[in-house]
Amino acid sequence: MAEVDGHRVAVGNASLMEHEMVVFSEHARIDLARFEASGNSLVLTAVDGELQIVMGIRDQIREGVKRHLHKLKKLGVRHLIVLSGDNQGTVDLVSAQLGLTEAHGHMLPEDKASYIKKLQSEGRTVAFVGDGVNDSPSLALAQIGIAMGSGTDVAIETSDVVLMNSDFSRLPHALGLAKATASNMRQNIAIAVGVVLILLASVFFSEWMNMSIGMLVHEASILVVILNGMRLLRYRLRKER
């Protein structure tokens, strides 16, 4: 909102125009619907309560994002949902191009937070990815809040995980590494417990077991656990090449 040479100028979305009591002609409404249907976010300019300019802005999908989302699905992510403040036409177009599960537009920060609460009430585990101030409430509510490294300080401080740059490939990499780490931990626990059980059984049911052999087997099992854990370094190097 501004006063320019005695004229009241308003630049914003359709909600702002309605607040300013700007009347849309039938021709203007057709143009607005056409812009939205083609996936554009609308920027409207009104002077003294009359619509003068209609602009459509469309975001370009980054190269490789669809491939990385497919990787997330292969890693076990069952629902990919976009929550956006853009108009529904834009959100639907992006959702169709990326193969998302659901798409919701015209959402304010409180709307996003309410939707996350709804998912959690259904027993779902929610991971939310965001980078702006408006995403902070949702990042705090989600079980896993993930902020992009190029995001605002508030979003980064609120989140549980921070991806140090805006490379979307880091997201499936982080999830894959987390799953590999959890699997590796289970393997190491099984190795450690298994060796202890074998040593205990040998003490009671064999004649060859003694302190020296027991210590040797135990230390060898520790070495196996360490080497097994080091396999995670190969996972990182393999994915980074």
C-alpha atoms as a PDB file:
ATOM      1  CA  MET A   1       0.000   0.000   0.000  1.00  0.00           C
ATOM      2  CA  ALA A   2       1.314   3.438  -0.901  1.00  0.00           C
ATOM      3  CA  GLU A   3       0.292   6.954  -1.846  1.00  0.00           C
ATOM      4  CA  VAL A   4       1.871   7.980  -5.171  1.00  0.00           C
ATOM      5  CA  ASP A   5       1.204  11.483  -6.546  1.00  0.00           C
ATOM      6  CA  GLY A   6      -2.054  11.602  -4.660  1.00  0.00           C
ATOM      7  CA  HIS A   7      -3.203   8.170  -5.857  1.00  0.00           C
ATOM      8  CA  ARG A   8      -3.707   5.149  -3.592  1.00  0.00           C
ATOM      9  CA  VAL A   9      -1.757   2.195  -5.018  1.00  0.00           C
ATOM     10  CA  ALA A  10      -2.233  -1.367  -3.792  1.00  0.00           C
ATOM     11  CA  VAL A  11      -0.029  -4.266  -4.921  1.00  0.00           C
ATOM     12  CA  GLY A  12      -0.738  -7.791  -3.700  1.00  0.00           C
ATOM     13  CA  ASN A  13      -2.958 -10.840  -4.056  1.00  0.00           C
ATOM     14  CA  ALA A  14      -6.695 -11.173  -4.548  1.00  0.00           C
ATOM     15  CA  SER A  15      -7.367 -11.071  -0.796  1.00  0.00           C
ATOM     16  CA  LEU A  16      -5.725  -7.651  -0.548  1.00  0.00           C
ATOM     17  CA  MET A  17      -7.798  -6.426  -3.482  1.00  0.00           C
ATOM     18  CA  GLU A  18     -10.984  -7.565  -1.744  1.00  0.00           C
ATOM     19  CA  HIS A  19      -9.875  -5.790   1.432  1.00  0.00           C
ATOM     20  CA  GLU A  20      -9.352  -2.625  -0.624  1.00  0.00           C
ATOM     21  CA  MET A  21     -12.843  -3.023  -2.118  1.00  0.00           C
ATOM     22  CA  VAL A  22     -11.456  -3.407  -5.641  1.00  0.00           C
ATOM     23  CA  VAL A  23     -14.203  -4.538  -8.020  1.00  0.00           C
ATOM     24  CA  PHE A  24     -13.230  -7.156 -10.614  1.00  0.00           C
ATOM     25  CA  SER A  25     -14.916  -7.003 -13.984  1.00  0.00           C
ATOM     26  CA  GLU A  26     -16.099 -10.203 -15.642  1.00  0.00           C
ATOM     27  CA  HIS A  27     -13.216  -9.990 -18.103  1.00  0.00           C
ATOM     28  CA  ALA A  28     -10.734  -9.590 -15.226  1.00  0.00           C
ATOM     29  CA  ARG A  29     -12.181 -12.612 -13.416  1.00  0.00           C
ATOM     30  CA  ILE A  30     -11.742 -14.717 -16.555  1.00  0.00           C
ATOM     31  CA  ASP A  31      -8.117 -13.593 -16.831  1.00  0.00           C
ATOM     32  CA  LEU A  32      -7.469 -14.354 -13.154  1.00  0.00           C
ATOM     33  CA  ALA A  33      -8.952 -17.838 -13.493  1.00  0.00           C
ATOM     34  CA  ARG A  34      -6.878 -18.481 -16.620  1.00  0.00           C
ATOM     35  CA  PHE A  35      -3.670 -17.388 -14.896  1.00  0.00           C
ATOM     36  CA  GLU A  36      -4.353 -19.583 -11.865  1.00  0.00           C
ATOM     37  CA  ALA A  37      -5.296 -22.597 -13.987  1.00  0.00           C
ATOM     38  CA  SER A  38      -1.935 -22.361 -15.760  1.00  0.00           C
ATOM     39  CA  GLY A  39      -0.104 -22.499 -12.426  1.00  0.00           C
ATOM     40  CA  ASN A  40       0.701 -18.828 -11.886  1.00  0.00           C
ATOM     41  CA  SER A  41       0.730 -16.978  -8.576  1.00  0.00           C
ATOM     42  CA  LEU A  42      -1.133 -13.703  -9.011  1.00  0.00           C
ATOM     43  CA  VAL A  43       0.249 -10.246  -8.286  1.00  0.00           C
ATOM     44  CA  LEU A  44      -2.408  -7.576  -8.773  1.00  0.00           C
ATOM     45  CA  THR A  45      -2.033  -3.804  -8.913  1.00  0.00           C
ATOM     46  CA  ALA A  46      -4.917  -1.440  -8.244  1.00  0.00           C
ATOM     47  CA  VAL A  47      -4.938   2.363  -8.411  1.00  0.00           C
ATOM     48  CA  ASP A  48      -7.657   4.261  -6.570  1.00  0.00           C
ATOM     49  CA  GLY A  49      -9.720   1.108  -6.195  1.00  0.00           C
ATOM     50  CA  GLU A  50      -9.553   0.058  -9.849  1.00  0.00           C
ATOM     51  CA  LEU A  51      -7.632  -2.977 -11.082  1.00  0.00           C
ATOM     52  CA  GLN A  52      -4.909  -1.888 -13.499  1.00  0.00           C
ATOM     53  CA  ILE A  53      -2.343  -4.681 -13.799  1.00  0.00           C
ATOM     54  CA  VAL A  54      -2.512  -8.474 -13.497  1.00  0.00           C
ATOM     55  CA  MET A  55       0.793 -10.355 -13.342  1.00  0.00           C
ATOM     56  CA  GLY A  56       1.358 -14.079 -13.140  1.00  0.00           C
ATOM     57  CA  ILE A  57       4.510 -15.522 -11.559  1.00  0.00           C
ATOM     58  CA  ARG A  58       5.377 -19.190 -11.854  1.00  0.00           C
ATOM     59  CA  ASP A  59       8.098 -21.003  -9.914  1.00  0.00           C
ATOM     60  CA  GLN A  60      10.422 -23.273 -11.842  1.00  0.00           C
ATOM     61  CA  ILE A  61      10.860 -26.772 -10.422  1.00  0.00           C
ATOM     62  CA  ARG A  62      14.505 -27.457  -9.731  1.00  0.00           C
ATOM     63  CA  GLU A  63      16.209 -30.059 -11.846  1.00  0.00           C
ATOM     64  CA  GLY A  64      16.321 -33.443 -10.144  1.00  0.00           C
ATOM     65  CA  VAL A  65      13.674 -32.739  -7.485  1.00  0.00           C
ATOM     66  CA  LYS A  66      11.264 -35.320  -8.905  1.00  0.00           C
ATOM     67  CA  ARG A  67      14.025 -37.942  -8.886  1.00  0.00           C
ATOM     68  CA  HIS A  68      14.893 -37.168  -5.266  1.00  0.00           C
ATOM     69  CA  LEU A  69      11.233 -37.384  -4.225  1.00  0.00           C
ATOM     70  CA  HIS A  70      11.079 -40.804  -5.871  1.00  0.00           C
ATOM     71  CA  LYS A  71      14.077 -41.819  -3.752  1.00  0.00           C
ATOM     72  CA  LEU A  72      12.177 -40.760  -0.632  1.00  0.00           C
ATOM     73  CA  LYS A  73       9.295 -43.022  -1.635  1.00  0.00           C
ATOM     74  CA  LYS A  74      11.702 -45.924  -2.147  1.00  0.00           C
ATOM     75  CA  LEU A  75      13.075 -45.262   1.343  1.00  0.00           C
ATOM     76  CA  GLY A  76       9.608 -45.733   2.833  1.00  0.00           C
ATOM     77  CA  VAL A  77       8.006 -42.269   2.833  1.00  0.00           C
ATOM     78  CA  ARG A  78       4.357 -43.060   2.121  1.00  0.00           C
ATOM     79  CA  HIS A  79       2.813 -39.594   1.795  1.00  0.00           C
ATOM     80  CA  LEU A  80       4.333 -36.518   0.153  1.00  0.00           C
ATOM     81  CA  ILE A  81       2.161 -33.467   0.823  1.00  0.00           C
ATOM     82  CA  VAL A  82       2.718 -29.847  -0.174  1.00  0.00           C
ATOM     83  CA  LEU A  83       1.318 -27.052   2.007  1.00  0.00           C
ATOM     84  CA  SER A  84       1.659 -23.679   0.318  1.00  0.00           C
ATOM     85  CA  GLY A  85       0.428 -20.137   0.503  1.00  0.00           C
ATOM     86  CA  ASP A  86       0.219 -20.010  -3.297  1.00  0.00           C
ATOM     87  CA  ASN A  87      -3.079 -20.343  -5.110  1.00  0.00           C
ATOM     88  CA  GLN A  88      -4.537 -23.820  -5.508  1.00  0.00           C
ATOM     89  CA  GLY A  89      -4.017 -23.898  -9.270  1.00  0.00           C
ATOM     90  CA  THR A  90      -0.267 -23.387  -8.900  1.00  0.00           C
ATOM     91  CA  VAL A  91      -0.011 -25.965  -6.140  1.00  0.00           C
ATOM     92  CA  ASP A  92      -2.026 -28.537  -8.103  1.00  0.00           C
ATOM     93  CA  LEU A  93       0.181 -28.071 -11.163  1.00  0.00           C
ATOM     94  CA  VAL A  94       3.390 -28.536  -9.164  1.00  0.00           C
ATOM     95  CA  SER A  95       1.902 -31.541  -7.379  1.00  0.00           C
ATOM     96  CA  ALA A  96       0.974 -33.200 -10.666  1.00  0.00           C
ATOM     97  CA  GLN A  97       4.442 -32.623 -12.105  1.00  0.00           C
ATOM     98  CA  LEU A  98       6.192 -34.052  -9.040  1.00  0.00           C
ATOM     99  CA  GLY A  99       3.773 -36.906  -8.317  1.00  0.00           C
ATOM    100  CA  LEU A 100       2.849 -35.758  -4.809  1.00  0.00           C
ATOM    101  CA  THR A 101       0.165 -37.417  -2.701  1.00  0.00           C
ATOM    102  CA  GLU A 102      -1.761 -34.269  -1.746  1.00  0.00           C
ATOM    103  CA  ALA A 103      -1.600 -30.550  -2.511  1.00  0.00           C
ATOM    104  CA  HIS A 104      -3.090 -27.731  -0.425  1.00  0.00           C
ATOM    105  CA  GLY A 105      -2.900 -24.074  -1.400  1.00  0.00           C
ATOM    106  CA  HIS A 106      -4.004 -20.740   0.091  1.00  0.00           C
ATOM    107  CA  MET A 107      -2.612 -21.856   3.465  1.00  0.00           C
ATOM    108  CA  LEU A 108      -1.549 -19.409   6.161  1.00  0.00           C
ATOM    109  CA  PRO A 109       1.056 -20.431   8.780  1.00  0.00           C
ATOM    110  CA  GLU A 110      -1.701 -21.325  11.252  1.00  0.00           C
ATOM    111  CA  ASP A 111      -3.433 -23.431   8.574  1.00  0.00           C
ATOM    112  CA  LYS A 112      -0.252 -25.440   8.041  1.00  0.00           C
ATOM    113  CA  ALA A 113       0.128 -25.978  11.787  1.00  0.00           C
ATOM    114  CA  SER A 114      -3.500 -27.124  12.068  1.00  0.00           C
ATOM    115  CA  TYR A 115      -3.030 -29.588   9.223  1.00  0.00           C
ATOM    116  CA  ILE A 116       0.051 -31.066  10.903  1.00  0.00           C
ATOM    117  CA  LYS A 117      -1.925 -31.487  14.138  1.00  0.00           C
ATOM    118  CA  LYS A 118      -4.637 -33.261  12.147  1.00  0.00           C
ATOM    119  CA  LEU A 119      -2.115 -35.713  10.674  1.00  0.00           C
ATOM    120  CA  GLN A 120      -0.625 -36.369  14.101  1.00  0.00           C
ATOM    121  CA  SER A 121      -4.082 -37.001  15.571  1.00  0.00           C
ATOM    122  CA  GLU A 122      -4.456 -39.742  12.944  1.00  0.00           C
ATOM    123  CA  GLY A 123      -1.349 -41.434  14.319  1.00  0.00           C
ATOM    124  CA  ARG A 124       1.020 -40.375  11.546  1.00  0.00           C
ATOM    125  CA  THR A 125       4.650 -39.423  12.036  1.00  0.00           C
ATOM    126  CA  VAL A 126       5.169 -36.050  10.356  1.00  0.00           C
ATOM    127  CA  ALA A 127       8.391 -34.643   8.942  1.00  0.00           C
ATOM    128  CA  PHE A 128       8.073 -31.035   7.769  1.00  0.00           C
ATOM    129  CA  VAL A 129      10.542 -29.332   5.430  1.00  0.00           C
ATOM    130  CA  GLY A 130      10.598 -25.530   5.332  1.00  0.00           C
ATOM    131  CA  ASP A 131      12.870 -22.519   5.120  1.00  0.00           C
ATOM    132  CA  GLY A 132      10.902 -19.388   5.980  1.00  0.00           C
ATOM    133  CA  VAL A 133       9.623 -17.530   9.029  1.00  0.00           C
ATOM    134  CA  ASN A 134       6.102 -18.683   8.148  1.00  0.00           C
ATOM    135  CA  ASP A 135       7.258 -22.306   8.428  1.00  0.00           C
ATOM    136  CA  SER A 136       8.543 -21.983  11.999  1.00  0.00           C
ATOM    137  CA  PRO A 137       5.302 -23.037  13.787  1.00  0.00           C
ATOM    138  CA  SER A 138       5.034 -26.141  11.592  1.00  0.00           C
ATOM    139  CA  LEU A 139       8.718 -26.987  12.045  1.00  0.00           C
ATOM    140  CA  ALA A 140       8.227 -26.848  15.807  1.00  0.00           C
ATOM    141  CA  LEU A 141       5.054 -28.976  15.749  1.00  0.00           C
ATOM    142  CA  ALA A 142       6.263 -31.775  13.478  1.00  0.00           C
ATOM    143  CA  GLN A 143       7.977 -34.798  14.991  1.00  0.00           C
ATOM    144  CA  ILE A 144      10.880 -34.037  12.656  1.00  0.00           C
ATOM    145  CA  GLY A 145      11.425 -30.440  11.563  1.00  0.00           C
ATOM    146  CA  ILE A 146      13.863 -30.084   8.668  1.00  0.00           C
ATOM    147  CA  ALA A 147      15.162 -26.650   7.666  1.00  0.00           C
ATOM    148  CA  MET A 148      17.060 -25.855   4.501  1.00  0.00           C
ATOM    149  CA  GLY A 149      20.436 -24.259   5.192  1.00  0.00           C
ATOM    150  CA  SER A 150      19.565 -21.206   3.098  1.00  0.00           C
ATOM    151  CA  GLY A 151      16.457 -20.562   5.212  1.00  0.00           C
ATOM    152  CA  THR A 152      15.836 -17.927   7.861  1.00  0.00           C
ATOM    153  CA  ASP A 153      17.508 -18.028  11.270  1.00  0.00           C
ATOM    154  CA  VAL A 154      14.147 -18.601  12.977  1.00  0.00           C
ATOM    155  CA  ALA A 155      13.420 -21.666  10.834  1.00  0.00           C
ATOM    156  CA  ILE A 156      16.904 -23.082  11.434  1.00  0.00           C
ATOM    157  CA  GLU A 157      16.707 -22.584  15.212  1.00  0.00           C
ATOM    158  CA  THR A 158      13.244 -24.174  15.399  1.00  0.00           C
ATOM    159  CA  SER A 159      14.064 -27.279  13.356  1.00  0.00           C
ATOM    160  CA  ASP A 160      15.508 -30.615  14.483  1.00  0.00           C
ATOM    161  CA  VAL A 161      17.606 -31.165  11.351  1.00  0.00           C
ATOM    162  CA  VAL A 162      19.360 -28.549   9.217  1.00  0.00           C
ATOM    163  CA  LEU A 163      20.468 -29.331   5.660  1.00  0.00           C
ATOM    164  CA  MET A 164      23.516 -27.137   5.213  1.00  0.00           C
ATOM    165  CA  ASN A 165      22.623 -26.045   1.688  1.00  0.00           C
ATOM    166  CA  SER A 166      19.568 -25.949  -0.559  1.00  0.00           C
ATOM    167  CA  ASP A 167      20.545 -29.080  -2.485  1.00  0.00           C
ATOM    168  CA  PHE A 168      17.397 -31.204  -2.269  1.00  0.00           C
ATOM    169  CA  SER A 169      19.409 -34.390  -2.817  1.00  0.00           C
ATOM    170  CA  ARG A 170      20.578 -34.031   0.795  1.00  0.00           C
ATOM    171  CA  LEU A 171      17.111 -34.953   2.023  1.00  0.00           C
ATOM    172  CA  PRO A 172      16.968 -38.556   0.712  1.00  0.00           C
ATOM    173  CA  HIS A 173      20.660 -38.870   1.559  1.00  0.00           C
ATOM    174  CA  ALA A 174      19.986 -37.892   5.189  1.00  0.00           C
ATOM    175  CA  LEU A 175      17.047 -40.295   5.457  1.00  0.00           C
ATOM    176  CA  GLY A 176      18.991 -43.131   3.840  1.00  0.00           C
ATOM    177  CA  LEU A 177      21.966 -42.570   6.133  1.00  0.00           C
ATOM    178  CA  ALA A 178      19.693 -42.495   9.194  1.00  0.00           C
ATOM    179  CA  LYS A 179      18.112 -45.809   8.178  1.00  0.00           C
ATOM    180  CA  ALA A 180      21.534 -47.328   7.486  1.00  0.00           C
ATOM    181  CA  THR A 181      22.766 -46.147  10.905  1.00  0.00           C
ATOM    182  CA  ALA A 182      19.769 -47.676  12.693  1.00  0.00           C
ATOM    183  CA  SER A 183      20.280 -50.963  10.839  1.00  0.00           C
ATOM    184  CA  ASN A 184      23.987 -50.918  11.673  1.00  0.00           C
ATOM    185  CA  MET A 185      23.220 -50.373  15.361  1.00  0.00           C
ATOM    186  CA  ARG A 186      20.884 -53.378  15.406  1.00  0.00           C
ATOM    187  CA  GLN A 187      23.562 -55.503  13.756  1.00  0.00           C
ATOM    188  CA  ASN A 188      26.188 -54.432  16.288  1.00  0.00           C
ATOM    189  CA  ILE A 189      23.866 -55.140  19.211  1.00  0.00           C
ATOM    190  CA  ALA A 190      23.141 -58.594  17.793  1.00  0.00           C
ATOM    191  CA  ILE A 191      26.873 -59.283  17.377  1.00  0.00           C
ATOM    192  CA  ALA A 192      27.717 -58.123  20.907  1.00  0.00           C
ATOM    193  CA  VAL A 193      24.871 -60.013  22.598  1.00  0.00           C
ATOM    194  CA  GLY A 194      25.482 -63.110  20.477  1.00  0.00           C
ATOM    195  CA  VAL A 195      29.164 -63.272  21.418  1.00  0.00           C
ATOM    196  CA  VAL A 196      28.362 -62.880  25.125  1.00  0.00           C
ATOM    197  CA  LEU A 197      25.791 -65.682  24.959  1.00  0.00           C
ATOM    198  CA  ILE A 198      28.246 -67.959  23.154  1.00  0.00           C
ATOM    199  CA  LEU A 199      30.943 -67.255  25.756  1.00  0.00           C
ATOM    200  CA  LEU A 200      28.544 -67.941  28.626  1.00  0.00           C
ATOM    201  CA  ALA A 201      27.388 -71.184  27.044  1.00  0.00           C
ATOM    202  CA  SER A 202      31.013 -72.220  26.473  1.00  0.00           C
ATOM    203  CA  VAL A 203      31.862 -71.633  30.128  1.00  0.00           C
ATOM    204  CA  PHE A 204      29.134 -74.002  31.288  1.00  0.00           C
ATOM    205  CA  PHE A 205      29.071 -76.605  28.525  1.00  0.00           C
ATOM    206  CA  SER A 206      32.627 -76.906  27.205  1.00  0.00           C
ATOM    207  CA  GLU A 207      36.010 -77.839  28.577  1.00  0.00           C
ATOM    208  CA  TRP A 208      38.156 -75.774  26.232  1.00  0.00           C
ATOM    209  CA  MET A 209      36.936 -72.324  27.341  1.00  0.00           C
ATOM    210  CA  ASN A 210      39.261 -70.387  29.637  1.00  0.00           C
ATOM    211  CA  MET A 211      39.958 -66.757  30.518  1.00  0.00           C
ATOM    212  CA  SER A 212      42.506 -66.212  27.732  1.00  0.00           C
ATOM    213  CA  ILE A 213      40.279 -67.576  24.979  1.00  0.00           C
ATOM    214  CA  GLY A 214      37.284 -65.666  26.346  1.00  0.00           C
ATOM    215  CA  MET A 215      39.199 -62.367  26.316  1.00  0.00           C
ATOM    216  CA  LEU A 216      40.482 -63.045  22.799  1.00  0.00           C
ATOM    217  CA  VAL A 217      36.989 -63.772  21.446  1.00  0.00           C
ATOM    218  CA  HIS A 218      35.530 -60.749  23.241  1.00  0.00           C
ATOM    219  CA  GLU A 219      38.173 -58.362  21.886  1.00  0.00           C
ATOM    220  CA  ALA A 220      37.722 -59.821  18.404  1.00  0.00           C
ATOM    221  CA  SER A 221      33.969 -59.158  18.613  1.00  0.00           C
ATOM    222  CA  ILE A 222      34.677 -55.518  19.542  1.00  0.00           C
ATOM    223  CA  LEU A 223      36.878 -55.209  16.458  1.00  0.00           C
ATOM    224  CA  VAL A 224      34.089 -56.675  14.303  1.00  0.00           C
ATOM    225  CA  VAL A 225      31.601 -54.147  15.728  1.00  0.00           C
ATOM    226  CA  ILE A 226      33.990 -51.259  14.983  1.00  0.00           C
ATOM    227  CA  LEU A 227      34.611 -52.420  11.422  1.00  0.00           C
ATOM    228  CA  ASN A 228      30.889 -52.916  10.870  1.00  0.00           C
ATOM    229  CA  GLY A 229      30.224 -49.363  12.054  1.00  0.00           C
ATOM    230  CA  MET A 230      32.885 -48.006   9.703  1.00  0.00           C
ATOM    231  CA  ARG A 231      30.848 -49.313   6.773  1.00  0.00           C
ATOM    232  CA  LEU A 232      28.702 -46.186   7.178  1.00  0.00           C
ATOM    233  CA  LEU A 233      31.653 -44.153   5.876  1.00  0.00           C
ATOM    234  CA  ARG A 234      31.475 -46.139   2.657  1.00  0.00           C
ATOM    235  CA  TYR A 235      27.753 -45.342   2.435  1.00  0.00           C
ATOM    236  CA  ARG A 236      28.507 -41.619   2.567  1.00  0.00           C
ATOM    237  CA  LEU A 237      31.327 -41.813   0.049  1.00  0.00           C
ATOM    238  CA  ARG A 238      29.308 -43.989  -2.297  1.00  0.00           C
ATOM    239  CA  LYS A 239      26.384 -41.563  -2.272  1.00  0.00           C
ATOM    240  CA  GLU A 240      28.562 -38.470  -2.636  1.00  0.00           C
ATOM    241  CA  ARG A 241      30.394 -39.641  -5.766  1.00  0.00           C
END
